[in-house]
Amino acid sequence: MSTAPAARPLRADAERNRRKILDAAMELFASRGIDITLDDVARHAKVGIGTVYRRFTCKQELVDGVFEQSMDQIAEAAESALRREDPWAALVDFIGLTSEWMSLSRGLGDVFFTNDEGREQVACARQRITPAIQQLVDRAKEAGALRPEIQVNDLFAVSCMLDAVIDFNRAVSPETWRRYLSLVLDGMRAEGATRDTLPLAPLTDEQVEVAKTARARG
C-alpha cells in the first residue's frame, strides 16, 4: 500500500523562509526605513525573490507583517500607562517609550507617520492606540498637569518632530533626542509646573557638521 508524502516538512521549510524574510526585513527597516524593495529583502535574507513573492505579494504586505507586532506593543504601552496612578508620569512614560522605539527603528517612524493603505493589521492596531492616547491626554488635563488646549493630534505632531530630531542626531549622538523631548514636555506642562533639568548636552558645532553631512549622504 502506498503512503502519501508528508506535507509537514514543506510547511516547516515555508515557515523557516517566512521567518527569514521577516527577520531580514525588520533589520533593513530598522537601519534604512521602509524605502527598500523586496529584492533588497531577498538578498538580505539570502533567499530567491520568488520565495519572497510567494509569502508577500507586495511590500505593503511585508511592512504589515513586520510592524503589526510593533504597533500592538505601542497599544499595549498606552494601555499599561493608563494603569499608572500619576496621569502626568503616565503620559511622559508613553511618549518617551514610543520615542525610544522610533530611535531604534527608522521604519517604525515611517509606518507611524504614513497612511495605512495596504496594511490591515497596522490599521487595526492604530484604531486600538488612538482611544488609549485620548484617555492619557484627558487624564493629564483633568489632573491639571497638562495644558488644557493640548489635543491628541498635538502628540502626533510632537512625535513627528522628535522623529526628525532622532534621524538628524543618529550618526553622532543617538540619545540626544531625550534632551529635546524634555524641552517639548516643558512646553506641554500646565502653568506653574516644575521644570525638569534637561538631560544630556546639546550637539557641539563639530557634531552638527557631521550630522549635516550624514544627512546629505542619506
N, C-alpha and C. Protein backbone atom coordinates (compact mmCIF):
# COMPACT_ATOMS: atom_id res chain seq x y z
N MET A 1 0.86 -1.19 0.00
CA MET A 1 0.00 0.00 0.00
C MET A 1 0.90 1.24 0.00
N SER A 2 0.64 2.17 -0.89
CA SER A 2 1.45 3.38 -0.99
C SER A 2 1.07 4.35 0.11
N THR A 3 2.05 5.13 0.48
CA THR A 3 1.83 6.13 1.53
C THR A 3 1.99 7.53 0.93
N ALA A 4 1.03 8.42 1.19
CA ALA A 4 1.12 9.78 0.66
C ALA A 4 2.27 10.50 1.32
N PRO A 5 3.03 11.28 0.57
CA PRO A 5 4.16 12.02 1.15
C PRO A 5 3.68 13.00 2.22
N ALA A 6 4.42 13.10 3.29
CA ALA A 6 4.05 14.01 4.39
C ALA A 6 4.25 15.45 3.96
N ALA A 7 3.30 16.31 4.31
CA ALA A 7 3.37 17.72 3.93
C ALA A 7 4.11 18.56 4.97
N ARG A 8 4.30 18.01 6.18
CA ARG A 8 4.86 18.80 7.27
C ARG A 8 6.24 19.39 6.96
N PRO A 9 7.18 18.62 6.36
CA PRO A 9 8.49 19.24 6.07
C PRO A 9 8.38 20.45 5.16
N LEU A 10 7.46 20.39 4.19
CA LEU A 10 7.29 21.54 3.31
C LEU A 10 6.77 22.74 4.07
N ARG A 11 5.81 22.50 4.96
CA ARG A 11 5.29 23.60 5.76
C ARG A 11 6.37 24.17 6.67
N ALA A 12 7.21 23.29 7.22
CA ALA A 12 8.29 23.77 8.08
C ALA A 12 9.28 24.61 7.28
N ASP A 13 9.61 24.17 6.06
CA ASP A 13 10.51 24.94 5.21
C ASP A 13 9.91 26.30 4.89
N ALA A 14 8.61 26.28 4.57
CA ALA A 14 7.93 27.53 4.24
C ALA A 14 7.95 28.49 5.42
N GLU A 15 7.72 27.96 6.61
CA GLU A 15 7.71 28.81 7.80
C GLU A 15 9.12 29.35 8.10
N ARG A 16 10.14 28.52 7.89
CA ARG A 16 11.51 28.99 8.09
C ARG A 16 11.84 30.13 7.13
N ASN A 17 11.43 29.96 5.87
CA ASN A 17 11.68 31.02 4.89
C ASN A 17 10.92 32.29 5.24
N ARG A 18 9.68 32.12 5.68
CA ARG A 18 8.89 33.29 6.06
C ARG A 18 9.57 34.03 7.22
N ARG A 19 10.07 33.27 8.20
CA ARG A 19 10.75 33.89 9.34
C ARG A 19 12.02 34.60 8.91
N LYS A 20 12.77 33.97 8.00
CA LYS A 20 14.00 34.60 7.49
C LYS A 20 13.68 35.91 6.78
N ILE A 21 12.60 35.90 6.01
CA ILE A 21 12.21 37.10 5.27
C ILE A 21 11.80 38.21 6.24
N LEU A 22 10.98 37.87 7.24
CA LEU A 22 10.54 38.87 8.21
C LEU A 22 11.72 39.42 9.02
N ASP A 23 12.63 38.55 9.43
CA ASP A 23 13.80 38.99 10.19
C ASP A 23 14.67 39.92 9.35
N ALA A 24 14.88 39.54 8.08
CA ALA A 24 15.71 40.36 7.19
C ALA A 24 15.05 41.71 6.96
N ALA A 25 13.73 41.70 6.74
CA ALA A 25 13.01 42.96 6.51
C ALA A 25 13.07 43.84 7.75
N MET A 26 12.94 43.24 8.92
CA MET A 26 12.98 44.02 10.16
C MET A 26 14.34 44.71 10.31
N GLU A 27 15.41 44.00 10.00
CA GLU A 27 16.75 44.59 10.09
C GLU A 27 16.91 45.74 9.09
N LEU A 28 16.45 45.55 7.88
CA LEU A 28 16.57 46.59 6.86
C LEU A 28 15.68 47.79 7.19
N PHE A 29 14.46 47.53 7.64
CA PHE A 29 13.57 48.62 8.00
C PHE A 29 14.15 49.43 9.16
N ALA A 30 14.79 48.74 10.11
CA ALA A 30 15.37 49.44 11.26
C ALA A 30 16.51 50.35 10.83
N SER A 31 17.35 49.88 9.91
CA SER A 31 18.54 50.65 9.55
C SER A 31 18.29 51.63 8.41
N ARG A 32 17.34 51.32 7.51
CA ARG A 32 17.16 52.14 6.31
C ARG A 32 15.76 52.72 6.16
N GLY A 33 14.82 52.33 7.00
CA GLY A 33 13.44 52.77 6.81
C GLY A 33 12.73 51.85 5.83
N ILE A 34 11.50 52.20 5.49
CA ILE A 34 10.71 51.30 4.64
C ILE A 34 10.92 51.58 3.15
N ASP A 35 11.81 52.49 2.82
CA ASP A 35 12.08 52.78 1.40
C ASP A 35 13.09 51.78 0.84
N ILE A 36 12.72 50.52 0.88
CA ILE A 36 13.54 49.45 0.32
C ILE A 36 12.65 48.61 -0.59
N THR A 37 13.25 47.67 -1.32
CA THR A 37 12.49 46.83 -2.25
C THR A 37 12.46 45.39 -1.75
N LEU A 38 11.57 44.61 -2.33
CA LEU A 38 11.53 43.19 -2.00
C LEU A 38 12.81 42.49 -2.46
N ASP A 39 13.43 43.00 -3.51
CA ASP A 39 14.72 42.46 -3.94
C ASP A 39 15.77 42.65 -2.84
N ASP A 40 15.77 43.84 -2.21
CA ASP A 40 16.70 44.09 -1.11
C ASP A 40 16.49 43.07 0.01
N VAL A 41 15.23 42.82 0.32
CA VAL A 41 14.91 41.87 1.39
C VAL A 41 15.37 40.46 1.02
N ALA A 42 15.13 40.06 -0.22
CA ALA A 42 15.53 38.72 -0.66
C ALA A 42 17.04 38.55 -0.53
N ARG A 43 17.79 39.56 -0.96
CA ARG A 43 19.26 39.47 -0.86
C ARG A 43 19.69 39.37 0.60
N HIS A 44 19.08 40.19 1.46
CA HIS A 44 19.48 40.20 2.86
C HIS A 44 19.10 38.88 3.55
N ALA A 45 17.98 38.30 3.14
CA ALA A 45 17.52 37.03 3.73
C ALA A 45 18.22 35.82 3.10
N LYS A 46 18.93 36.08 1.98
CA LYS A 46 19.60 35.00 1.24
C LYS A 46 18.60 33.96 0.74
N VAL A 47 17.50 34.46 0.19
CA VAL A 47 16.51 33.59 -0.47
C VAL A 47 16.22 34.17 -1.85
N GLY A 48 15.60 33.38 -2.70
CA GLY A 48 15.25 33.87 -4.02
C GLY A 48 14.10 34.86 -3.96
N ILE A 49 14.06 35.75 -4.93
CA ILE A 49 12.99 36.75 -4.95
C ILE A 49 11.62 36.08 -5.09
N GLY A 50 11.59 34.94 -5.79
CA GLY A 50 10.33 34.21 -5.93
C GLY A 50 9.81 33.73 -4.59
N THR A 51 10.72 33.36 -3.70
CA THR A 51 10.32 32.92 -2.35
C THR A 51 9.67 34.07 -1.60
N VAL A 52 10.22 35.27 -1.74
CA VAL A 52 9.63 36.43 -1.08
C VAL A 52 8.23 36.70 -1.62
N TYR A 53 8.08 36.66 -2.94
CA TYR A 53 6.77 36.96 -3.54
C TYR A 53 5.73 35.90 -3.23
N ARG A 54 6.16 34.66 -2.96
CA ARG A 54 5.20 33.63 -2.57
C ARG A 54 4.64 33.89 -1.18
N ARG A 55 5.41 34.57 -0.36
CA ARG A 55 4.96 34.87 1.01
C ARG A 55 4.28 36.24 1.10
N PHE A 56 4.77 37.20 0.31
CA PHE A 56 4.26 38.57 0.38
C PHE A 56 4.15 39.09 -1.05
N THR A 57 2.95 39.39 -1.48
CA THR A 57 2.73 39.78 -2.88
C THR A 57 3.20 41.21 -3.17
N CYS A 58 3.37 42.02 -2.12
CA CYS A 58 3.85 43.39 -2.31
C CYS A 58 4.53 43.86 -1.04
N LYS A 59 5.23 44.97 -1.12
CA LYS A 59 5.97 45.47 0.05
C LYS A 59 5.04 45.86 1.19
N GLN A 60 3.86 46.37 0.84
CA GLN A 60 2.94 46.78 1.90
C GLN A 60 2.56 45.61 2.79
N GLU A 61 2.38 44.42 2.19
CA GLU A 61 2.06 43.24 2.99
C GLU A 61 3.22 42.90 3.92
N LEU A 62 4.43 43.06 3.43
CA LEU A 62 5.61 42.78 4.25
C LEU A 62 5.73 43.78 5.39
N VAL A 63 5.50 45.05 5.10
CA VAL A 63 5.52 46.08 6.14
C VAL A 63 4.48 45.75 7.21
N ASP A 64 3.30 45.33 6.77
CA ASP A 64 2.22 44.98 7.68
C ASP A 64 2.65 43.82 8.58
N GLY A 65 3.28 42.81 7.97
CA GLY A 65 3.71 41.65 8.73
C GLY A 65 4.79 41.98 9.75
N VAL A 66 5.70 42.87 9.38
CA VAL A 66 6.80 43.22 10.27
C VAL A 66 6.33 44.12 11.42
N PHE A 67 5.49 45.10 11.11
CA PHE A 67 5.18 46.12 12.12
C PHE A 67 3.86 45.90 12.85
N GLU A 68 3.15 44.83 12.52
CA GLU A 68 1.93 44.52 13.28
C GLU A 68 2.25 44.38 14.77
N GLN A 69 3.30 43.63 15.09
CA GLN A 69 3.67 43.42 16.48
C GLN A 69 4.12 44.73 17.14
N SER A 70 4.88 45.55 16.41
CA SER A 70 5.33 46.82 16.98
C SER A 70 4.16 47.73 17.32
N MET A 71 3.18 47.79 16.43
CA MET A 71 2.03 48.64 16.70
C MET A 71 1.21 48.09 17.85
N ASP A 72 1.12 46.76 17.95
CA ASP A 72 0.43 46.16 19.09
C ASP A 72 1.15 46.51 20.39
N GLN A 73 2.49 46.53 20.35
CA GLN A 73 3.26 46.89 21.54
C GLN A 73 3.01 48.34 21.95
N ILE A 74 2.85 49.22 20.96
CA ILE A 74 2.55 50.62 21.27
C ILE A 74 1.17 50.71 21.93
N ALA A 75 0.21 49.96 21.40
CA ALA A 75 -1.12 49.95 22.00
C ALA A 75 -1.07 49.43 23.43
N GLU A 76 -0.31 48.37 23.64
CA GLU A 76 -0.18 47.81 24.99
C GLU A 76 0.51 48.80 25.92
N ALA A 77 1.49 49.54 25.40
CA ALA A 77 2.19 50.54 26.22
C ALA A 77 1.23 51.64 26.67
N ALA A 78 0.36 52.07 25.75
CA ALA A 78 -0.62 53.11 26.10
C ALA A 78 -1.60 52.60 27.15
N GLU A 79 -2.04 51.36 26.98
CA GLU A 79 -2.99 50.78 27.94
C GLU A 79 -2.33 50.55 29.29
N SER A 80 -1.05 50.17 29.28
CA SER A 80 -0.30 50.00 30.52
C SER A 80 -0.11 51.34 31.24
N ALA A 81 0.17 52.39 30.47
CA ALA A 81 0.35 53.72 31.06
C ALA A 81 -0.92 54.19 31.76
N LEU A 82 -2.06 53.82 31.23
CA LEU A 82 -3.33 54.22 31.84
C LEU A 82 -3.51 53.64 33.24
N ARG A 83 -2.77 52.59 33.53
CA ARG A 83 -2.87 51.98 34.86
C ARG A 83 -1.97 52.66 35.90
N ARG A 84 -1.15 53.61 35.42
CA ARG A 84 -0.31 54.35 36.36
C ARG A 84 -1.15 55.36 37.13
N GLU A 85 -0.83 55.53 38.39
CA GLU A 85 -1.62 56.42 39.24
C GLU A 85 -1.42 57.88 38.87
N ASP A 86 -0.20 58.27 38.53
CA ASP A 86 0.13 59.66 38.21
C ASP A 86 -0.14 59.92 36.72
N PRO A 87 -1.15 60.72 36.37
CA PRO A 87 -1.50 60.94 34.96
C PRO A 87 -0.39 61.58 34.14
N TRP A 88 0.36 62.53 34.75
CA TRP A 88 1.45 63.17 34.00
C TRP A 88 2.57 62.18 33.75
N ALA A 89 2.96 61.42 34.76
CA ALA A 89 4.02 60.42 34.59
C ALA A 89 3.60 59.38 33.56
N ALA A 90 2.33 59.04 33.54
CA ALA A 90 1.83 58.06 32.56
C ALA A 90 2.02 58.57 31.13
N LEU A 91 1.65 59.83 30.92
CA LEU A 91 1.78 60.41 29.59
C LEU A 91 3.25 60.53 29.18
N VAL A 92 4.08 60.99 30.11
CA VAL A 92 5.52 61.14 29.82
C VAL A 92 6.15 59.79 29.51
N ASP A 93 5.81 58.78 30.28
CA ASP A 93 6.36 57.44 30.04
C ASP A 93 5.99 56.92 28.66
N PHE A 94 4.73 57.14 28.27
CA PHE A 94 4.29 56.64 26.97
C PHE A 94 5.01 57.36 25.83
N ILE A 95 5.08 58.68 25.90
CA ILE A 95 5.77 59.42 24.84
C ILE A 95 7.25 59.04 24.79
N GLY A 96 7.86 58.90 25.95
CA GLY A 96 9.27 58.54 25.99
C GLY A 96 9.53 57.15 25.43
N LEU A 97 8.66 56.20 25.76
CA LEU A 97 8.85 54.83 25.28
C LEU A 97 8.68 54.74 23.78
N THR A 98 7.65 55.37 23.25
CA THR A 98 7.44 55.31 21.79
C THR A 98 8.57 56.02 21.05
N SER A 99 9.07 57.10 21.64
CA SER A 99 10.20 57.81 21.01
C SER A 99 11.44 56.92 21.00
N GLU A 100 11.66 56.19 22.09
CA GLU A 100 12.80 55.29 22.15
C GLU A 100 12.69 54.20 21.09
N TRP A 101 11.50 53.66 20.92
CA TRP A 101 11.31 52.63 19.89
C TRP A 101 11.58 53.19 18.50
N MET A 102 11.15 54.43 18.26
CA MET A 102 11.44 55.04 16.96
C MET A 102 12.94 55.25 16.76
N SER A 103 13.65 55.53 17.86
CA SER A 103 15.09 55.73 17.75
C SER A 103 15.81 54.44 17.37
N LEU A 104 15.19 53.32 17.67
CA LEU A 104 15.80 52.02 17.37
C LEU A 104 15.42 51.49 16.00
N SER A 105 14.42 52.08 15.38
CA SER A 105 13.98 51.61 14.06
C SER A 105 13.47 52.77 13.21
N ARG A 106 14.20 53.07 12.16
CA ARG A 106 13.74 54.11 11.24
C ARG A 106 12.37 53.76 10.66
N GLY A 107 12.18 52.47 10.39
CA GLY A 107 10.94 52.03 9.75
C GLY A 107 9.71 52.28 10.58
N LEU A 108 9.84 52.20 11.91
CA LEU A 108 8.67 52.42 12.77
C LEU A 108 8.13 53.83 12.59
N GLY A 109 9.03 54.81 12.55
CA GLY A 109 8.59 56.18 12.30
C GLY A 109 7.95 56.32 10.94
N ASP A 110 8.54 55.66 9.93
CA ASP A 110 7.97 55.70 8.58
C ASP A 110 6.54 55.19 8.57
N VAL A 111 6.32 54.09 9.28
CA VAL A 111 4.99 53.48 9.33
C VAL A 111 4.03 54.36 10.11
N PHE A 112 4.51 54.90 11.21
CA PHE A 112 3.64 55.67 12.10
C PHE A 112 3.15 56.95 11.45
N PHE A 113 3.96 57.52 10.57
CA PHE A 113 3.62 58.83 10.00
C PHE A 113 3.19 58.76 8.53
N THR A 114 2.82 57.58 8.06
CA THR A 114 2.24 57.46 6.72
C THR A 114 0.88 56.78 6.83
N ASN A 115 0.14 56.79 5.73
CA ASN A 115 -1.19 56.19 5.80
C ASN A 115 -1.09 54.67 5.83
N ASP A 116 -2.21 54.02 6.17
CA ASP A 116 -2.22 52.58 6.39
C ASP A 116 -2.72 51.79 5.19
N GLU A 117 -2.72 52.38 4.01
CA GLU A 117 -3.22 51.69 2.82
C GLU A 117 -2.42 50.40 2.59
N GLY A 118 -3.14 49.30 2.50
CA GLY A 118 -2.50 48.00 2.28
C GLY A 118 -1.92 47.39 3.53
N ARG A 119 -2.14 48.00 4.68
CA ARG A 119 -1.57 47.50 5.94
C ARG A 119 -2.71 47.25 6.93
N GLU A 120 -3.42 46.19 6.74
CA GLU A 120 -4.64 45.92 7.50
C GLU A 120 -4.35 45.76 8.99
N GLN A 121 -3.31 45.00 9.33
CA GLN A 121 -3.03 44.74 10.74
C GLN A 121 -2.53 46.01 11.44
N VAL A 122 -1.71 46.78 10.75
CA VAL A 122 -1.23 48.05 11.31
C VAL A 122 -2.41 48.99 11.55
N ALA A 123 -3.34 49.03 10.59
CA ALA A 123 -4.52 49.89 10.72
C ALA A 123 -5.37 49.48 11.93
N CYS A 124 -5.52 48.17 12.14
CA CYS A 124 -6.30 47.68 13.28
C CYS A 124 -5.63 48.08 14.59
N ALA A 125 -4.30 47.96 14.63
CA ALA A 125 -3.58 48.34 15.85
C ALA A 125 -3.71 49.83 16.11
N ARG A 126 -3.66 50.64 15.05
CA ARG A 126 -3.78 52.09 15.23
C ARG A 126 -5.15 52.46 15.81
N GLN A 127 -6.19 51.75 15.38
CA GLN A 127 -7.53 52.01 15.91
C GLN A 127 -7.60 51.70 17.40
N ARG A 128 -6.77 50.78 17.84
CA ARG A 128 -6.72 50.45 19.26
C ARG A 128 -5.90 51.50 20.04
N ILE A 129 -4.89 52.06 19.40
CA ILE A 129 -3.99 53.00 20.06
C ILE A 129 -4.67 54.33 20.36
N THR A 130 -5.38 54.87 19.38
CA THR A 130 -5.90 56.24 19.48
C THR A 130 -6.78 56.49 20.70
N PRO A 131 -7.77 55.62 21.00
CA PRO A 131 -8.59 55.88 22.19
C PRO A 131 -7.78 55.87 23.49
N ALA A 132 -6.76 55.01 23.56
CA ALA A 132 -5.94 54.95 24.77
C ALA A 132 -5.15 56.24 24.95
N ILE A 133 -4.62 56.78 23.84
CA ILE A 133 -3.88 58.05 23.92
C ILE A 133 -4.82 59.17 24.32
N GLN A 134 -6.03 59.15 23.80
CA GLN A 134 -7.02 60.16 24.17
C GLN A 134 -7.26 60.14 25.67
N GLN A 135 -7.34 58.94 26.24
CA GLN A 135 -7.55 58.83 27.68
C GLN A 135 -6.34 59.36 28.46
N LEU A 136 -5.14 59.08 27.96
CA LEU A 136 -3.93 59.61 28.62
C LEU A 136 -3.96 61.13 28.64
N VAL A 137 -4.32 61.74 27.54
CA VAL A 137 -4.40 63.19 27.45
C VAL A 137 -5.48 63.74 28.38
N ASP A 138 -6.65 63.12 28.34
CA ASP A 138 -7.76 63.59 29.17
C ASP A 138 -7.42 63.51 30.66
N ARG A 139 -6.81 62.41 31.06
CA ARG A 139 -6.45 62.24 32.47
C ARG A 139 -5.46 63.32 32.91
N ALA A 140 -4.46 63.58 32.08
CA ALA A 140 -3.44 64.57 32.44
C ALA A 140 -4.04 65.97 32.53
N LYS A 141 -4.98 66.28 31.64
CA LYS A 141 -5.64 67.60 31.70
C LYS A 141 -6.53 67.71 32.93
N GLU A 142 -7.28 66.65 33.22
CA GLU A 142 -8.17 66.67 34.38
C GLU A 142 -7.39 66.81 35.69
N ALA A 143 -6.15 66.28 35.68
CA ALA A 143 -5.30 66.39 36.87
C ALA A 143 -4.62 67.75 36.98
N GLY A 144 -4.79 68.60 35.96
CA GLY A 144 -4.17 69.91 35.96
C GLY A 144 -2.68 69.88 35.64
N ALA A 145 -2.22 68.76 35.05
CA ALA A 145 -0.80 68.62 34.75
C ALA A 145 -0.47 69.01 33.31
N LEU A 146 -1.45 68.94 32.43
CA LEU A 146 -1.25 69.19 31.01
C LEU A 146 -2.01 70.45 30.59
N ARG A 147 -1.39 71.25 29.73
CA ARG A 147 -2.07 72.45 29.24
C ARG A 147 -3.44 72.09 28.68
N PRO A 148 -4.48 72.81 29.03
CA PRO A 148 -5.84 72.43 28.65
C PRO A 148 -6.09 72.45 27.15
N GLU A 149 -5.29 73.21 26.40
CA GLU A 149 -5.53 73.29 24.95
C GLU A 149 -4.86 72.15 24.17
N ILE A 150 -4.08 71.31 24.82
CA ILE A 150 -3.40 70.20 24.14
C ILE A 150 -4.42 69.16 23.69
N GLN A 151 -4.27 68.71 22.45
CA GLN A 151 -5.14 67.68 21.88
C GLN A 151 -4.30 66.49 21.42
N VAL A 152 -4.97 65.37 21.15
CA VAL A 152 -4.26 64.15 20.74
C VAL A 152 -3.38 64.39 19.52
N ASN A 153 -3.89 65.12 18.55
CA ASN A 153 -3.09 65.35 17.34
C ASN A 153 -1.86 66.20 17.60
N ASP A 154 -1.84 66.93 18.71
CA ASP A 154 -0.61 67.63 19.10
C ASP A 154 0.48 66.60 19.41
N LEU A 155 0.11 65.51 20.04
CA LEU A 155 1.09 64.47 20.35
C LEU A 155 1.61 63.81 19.08
N PHE A 156 0.74 63.67 18.10
CA PHE A 156 1.17 63.12 16.81
C PHE A 156 2.23 64.03 16.19
N ALA A 157 1.97 65.34 16.22
CA ALA A 157 2.93 66.30 15.67
C ALA A 157 4.23 66.31 16.47
N VAL A 158 4.11 66.22 17.79
CA VAL A 158 5.31 66.18 18.64
C VAL A 158 6.16 64.95 18.30
N SER A 159 5.51 63.81 18.14
CA SER A 159 6.23 62.58 17.79
C SER A 159 6.91 62.71 16.44
N CYS A 160 6.25 63.37 15.51
CA CYS A 160 6.84 63.59 14.19
C CYS A 160 8.08 64.47 14.29
N MET A 161 8.01 65.52 15.12
CA MET A 161 9.17 66.39 15.32
C MET A 161 10.32 65.63 15.96
N LEU A 162 10.00 64.81 16.96
CA LEU A 162 11.04 64.03 17.63
C LEU A 162 11.67 63.02 16.68
N ASP A 163 10.86 62.46 15.79
CA ASP A 163 11.40 61.52 14.81
C ASP A 163 12.42 62.21 13.92
N ALA A 164 12.16 63.47 13.56
CA ALA A 164 13.12 64.23 12.75
C ALA A 164 14.40 64.49 13.54
N VAL A 165 14.27 64.79 14.83
CA VAL A 165 15.44 65.01 15.69
C VAL A 165 16.25 63.72 15.82
N ILE A 166 15.54 62.62 16.02
CA ILE A 166 16.19 61.30 16.13
C ILE A 166 17.00 61.02 14.87
N ASP A 167 16.39 61.27 13.73
CA ASP A 167 17.06 60.98 12.46
C ASP A 167 18.29 61.87 12.27
N PHE A 168 18.18 63.14 12.63
CA PHE A 168 19.30 64.06 12.44
C PHE A 168 20.47 63.71 13.36
N ASN A 169 20.17 63.32 14.59
CA ASN A 169 21.21 63.05 15.58
C ASN A 169 21.81 61.65 15.49
N ARG A 170 21.17 60.78 14.73
CA ARG A 170 21.50 59.36 14.78
C ARG A 170 22.99 59.07 14.58
N ALA A 171 23.64 59.77 13.67
CA ALA A 171 25.02 59.46 13.31
C ALA A 171 26.03 59.95 14.36
N VAL A 172 25.63 60.90 15.20
CA VAL A 172 26.61 61.50 16.12
C VAL A 172 26.26 61.35 17.59
N SER A 173 24.97 61.32 17.91
CA SER A 173 24.56 61.26 19.31
C SER A 173 23.14 60.68 19.39
N PRO A 174 23.02 59.36 19.28
CA PRO A 174 21.70 58.73 19.14
C PRO A 174 20.74 58.96 20.30
N GLU A 175 21.25 59.38 21.45
CA GLU A 175 20.38 59.56 22.61
C GLU A 175 19.96 61.02 22.84
N THR A 176 20.50 61.95 22.05
CA THR A 176 20.26 63.37 22.31
C THR A 176 18.79 63.77 22.13
N TRP A 177 18.01 62.94 21.45
CA TRP A 177 16.58 63.25 21.31
C TRP A 177 15.92 63.41 22.68
N ARG A 178 16.48 62.77 23.71
CA ARG A 178 15.88 62.86 25.05
C ARG A 178 15.91 64.30 25.58
N ARG A 179 16.94 65.05 25.20
CA ARG A 179 17.04 66.46 25.60
C ARG A 179 15.87 67.25 25.02
N TYR A 180 15.57 67.00 23.75
CA TYR A 180 14.53 67.77 23.08
C TYR A 180 13.13 67.29 23.47
N LEU A 181 13.02 66.03 23.83
CA LEU A 181 11.76 65.56 24.39
C LEU A 181 11.48 66.30 25.70
N SER A 182 12.49 66.48 26.52
CA SER A 182 12.32 67.20 27.78
C SER A 182 11.87 68.65 27.53
N LEU A 183 12.47 69.29 26.53
CA LEU A 183 12.06 70.66 26.18
C LEU A 183 10.60 70.71 25.74
N VAL A 184 10.20 69.75 24.94
CA VAL A 184 8.81 69.71 24.46
C VAL A 184 7.86 69.47 25.63
N LEU A 185 8.21 68.56 26.50
CA LEU A 185 7.35 68.27 27.65
C LEU A 185 7.20 69.49 28.55
N ASP A 186 8.27 70.28 28.71
CA ASP A 186 8.17 71.53 29.49
C ASP A 186 7.12 72.45 28.88
N GLY A 187 7.07 72.49 27.55
CA GLY A 187 6.10 73.35 26.88
C GLY A 187 4.68 72.84 26.98
N MET A 188 4.52 71.54 27.20
CA MET A 188 3.19 70.93 27.29
C MET A 188 2.61 71.00 28.70
N ARG A 189 3.47 71.19 29.69
CA ARG A 189 3.01 71.16 31.07
C ARG A 189 2.14 72.37 31.40
N ALA A 190 1.25 72.18 32.32
CA ALA A 190 0.35 73.25 32.74
C ALA A 190 1.13 74.38 33.40
N GLU A 191 0.53 75.54 33.43
CA GLU A 191 1.16 76.74 34.01
C GLU A 191 1.59 76.47 35.45
N GLY A 192 2.84 76.89 35.75
CA GLY A 192 3.33 76.79 37.12
C GLY A 192 3.97 75.47 37.48
N ALA A 193 3.99 74.50 36.54
CA ALA A 193 4.59 73.20 36.84
C ALA A 193 6.11 73.31 36.92
N THR A 194 6.70 72.50 37.75
CA THR A 194 8.16 72.50 37.90
C THR A 194 8.81 71.89 36.67
N ARG A 195 9.86 72.53 36.19
CA ARG A 195 10.58 72.01 35.03
C ARG A 195 11.71 71.09 35.46
N ASP A 196 11.90 70.03 34.69
CA ASP A 196 12.99 69.11 34.98
C ASP A 196 14.28 69.64 34.36
N THR A 197 15.40 69.22 34.92
CA THR A 197 16.70 69.57 34.34
C THR A 197 16.85 68.87 32.99
N LEU A 198 17.34 69.60 32.00
CA LEU A 198 17.49 69.00 30.67
C LEU A 198 18.53 67.89 30.71
N PRO A 199 18.19 66.70 30.19
CA PRO A 199 19.16 65.62 30.14
C PRO A 199 20.11 65.78 28.96
N LEU A 200 21.31 65.29 29.10
CA LEU A 200 22.30 65.27 28.02
C LEU A 200 22.69 66.69 27.58
N ALA A 201 23.75 66.76 26.84
CA ALA A 201 24.25 68.06 26.34
C ALA A 201 23.76 68.27 24.91
N PRO A 202 23.70 69.53 24.47
CA PRO A 202 23.36 69.77 23.06
C PRO A 202 24.52 69.31 22.17
N LEU A 203 24.26 69.20 20.89
CA LEU A 203 25.32 68.84 19.95
C LEU A 203 26.37 69.94 19.92
N THR A 204 27.62 69.55 19.76
CA THR A 204 28.69 70.52 19.55
C THR A 204 28.65 71.00 18.10
N ASP A 205 29.39 72.06 17.80
CA ASP A 205 29.46 72.54 16.42
C ASP A 205 29.96 71.43 15.49
N GLU A 206 30.96 70.70 15.95
CA GLU A 206 31.52 69.62 15.11
C GLU A 206 30.49 68.53 14.87
N GLN A 207 29.73 68.17 15.91
CA GLN A 207 28.70 67.15 15.75
C GLN A 207 27.61 67.60 14.78
N VAL A 208 27.25 68.87 14.84
CA VAL A 208 26.24 69.39 13.92
C VAL A 208 26.71 69.23 12.48
N GLU A 209 27.98 69.55 12.23
CA GLU A 209 28.50 69.43 10.87
C GLU A 209 28.54 67.98 10.40
N VAL A 210 28.92 67.09 11.30
CA VAL A 210 28.95 65.66 10.96
C VAL A 210 27.51 65.17 10.67
N ALA A 211 26.57 65.59 11.50
CA ALA A 211 25.18 65.18 11.31
C ALA A 211 24.63 65.72 9.99
N LYS A 212 24.96 66.94 9.65
CA LYS A 212 24.52 67.53 8.37
C LYS A 212 25.09 66.75 7.18
N THR A 213 26.37 66.38 7.29
CA THR A 213 27.00 65.62 6.22
C THR A 213 26.35 64.25 6.08
N ALA A 214 26.10 63.58 7.21
CA ALA A 214 25.47 62.26 7.18
C ALA A 214 24.08 62.35 6.58
N ARG A 215 23.35 63.39 6.93
CA ARG A 215 22.00 63.55 6.39
C ARG A 215 22.04 63.77 4.88
N ALA A 216 23.01 64.57 4.42
CA ALA A 216 23.13 64.83 2.97
C ALA A 216 23.45 63.57 2.20
N ARG A 217 24.19 62.67 2.84
CA ARG A 217 24.57 61.42 2.17
C ARG A 217 23.48 60.36 2.26
N GLY A 218 22.43 60.66 3.03
CA GLY A 218 21.33 59.72 3.15
C GLY A 218 21.64 58.56 4.06
